[in-house]
Amino acid sequence: MKKKDQKQYKFINNETDNIIFFLTIPEDEPDPEKILEETRQKLAVENGIYIGNVHYITVSDHEFDE
């Protein structure tokens, strides 16, 4: 799978601004929001973080090139 056929996301703890997880999802995934929300909930539980403090953003391609 080529990099352009995927979307990368990073999950961040709002309280500390620390990145806690990276996730790659294929562009043709029929329900990426479901995967993102399930991952967000899982990370909150595993890390003992209030779910409202866990959010995700799309990673731009140039962030991986640095």
Protein backbone atom coordinates (compact mmCIF):
# COMPACT_ATOMS: atom_id res chain seq x y z
CA MET A 1 0.00 0.00 0.00
CA LYS A 2 1.36 3.37 -0.95
CA LYS A 3 1.60 6.19 1.53
CA LYS A 4 -0.88 8.26 -0.49
CA ASP A 5 -3.49 5.50 -0.08
CA GLN A 6 -3.42 5.96 3.70
CA LYS A 7 -4.30 8.62 6.23
CA GLN A 8 -2.25 9.04 9.37
CA TYR A 9 -3.63 10.36 12.63
CA LYS A 10 -2.07 11.24 15.94
CA PHE A 11 -3.90 11.06 19.23
CA ILE A 12 -3.07 13.74 21.75
CA ASN A 13 -3.72 14.15 25.46
CA ASN A 14 -5.25 17.65 25.63
CA GLU A 15 -4.20 18.09 29.23
CA THR A 16 -0.47 17.56 28.59
CA ASP A 17 -0.28 18.11 24.80
CA ASN A 18 1.63 14.82 24.56
CA ILE A 19 1.17 12.57 21.56
CA ILE A 20 0.03 9.21 22.90
CA PHE A 21 -0.57 7.19 19.73
CA PHE A 22 -0.25 7.16 15.94
CA LEU A 23 -2.75 5.35 13.71
CA THR A 24 -2.80 4.70 9.96
CA ILE A 25 -6.08 3.97 8.20
CA PRO A 26 -6.49 3.07 4.51
CA GLU A 27 -8.10 5.82 2.44
CA ASP A 28 -10.79 3.41 1.24
CA GLU A 29 -11.88 2.45 4.78
CA PRO A 30 -15.70 2.66 4.75
CA ASP A 31 -16.04 3.97 8.32
CA PRO A 32 -12.86 5.70 9.51
CA GLU A 33 -14.77 7.72 12.13
CA LYS A 34 -15.78 4.50 13.89
CA ILE A 35 -12.17 3.29 14.02
CA LEU A 36 -10.97 6.68 15.26
CA GLU A 37 -13.60 6.87 17.99
CA GLU A 38 -12.98 3.27 19.14
CA THR A 39 -9.24 3.97 19.27
CA ARG A 40 -9.84 7.19 21.21
CA GLN A 41 -11.96 5.35 23.79
CA LYS A 42 -9.43 2.52 24.10
CA LEU A 43 -6.56 4.95 24.63
CA ALA A 44 -8.49 6.83 27.32
CA VAL A 45 -9.17 3.63 29.25
CA GLU A 46 -5.67 2.17 28.82
CA ASN A 47 -3.98 5.41 29.88
CA GLY A 48 -6.41 6.45 32.60
CA ILE A 49 -7.23 9.69 30.80
CA TYR A 50 -10.63 11.39 30.79
CA ILE A 51 -12.01 10.74 27.30
CA GLY A 52 -12.68 14.44 26.82
CA ASN A 53 -8.91 15.00 27.00
CA VAL A 54 -8.10 12.61 24.15
CA HIS A 55 -8.40 13.95 20.64
CA TYR A 56 -6.96 13.13 17.24
CA ILE A 57 -5.75 15.13 14.28
CA THR A 58 -4.66 14.24 10.78
CA VAL A 59 -0.91 14.06 10.33
CA SER A 60 0.44 15.92 7.33
CA ASP A 61 2.85 14.07 5.05
CA HIS A 62 5.75 16.40 5.81
CA GLU A 63 5.66 15.49 9.53
CA PHE A 64 6.97 12.02 8.67
CA ASP A 65 9.69 13.39 6.42
CA GLU A 66 11.44 15.35 9.17
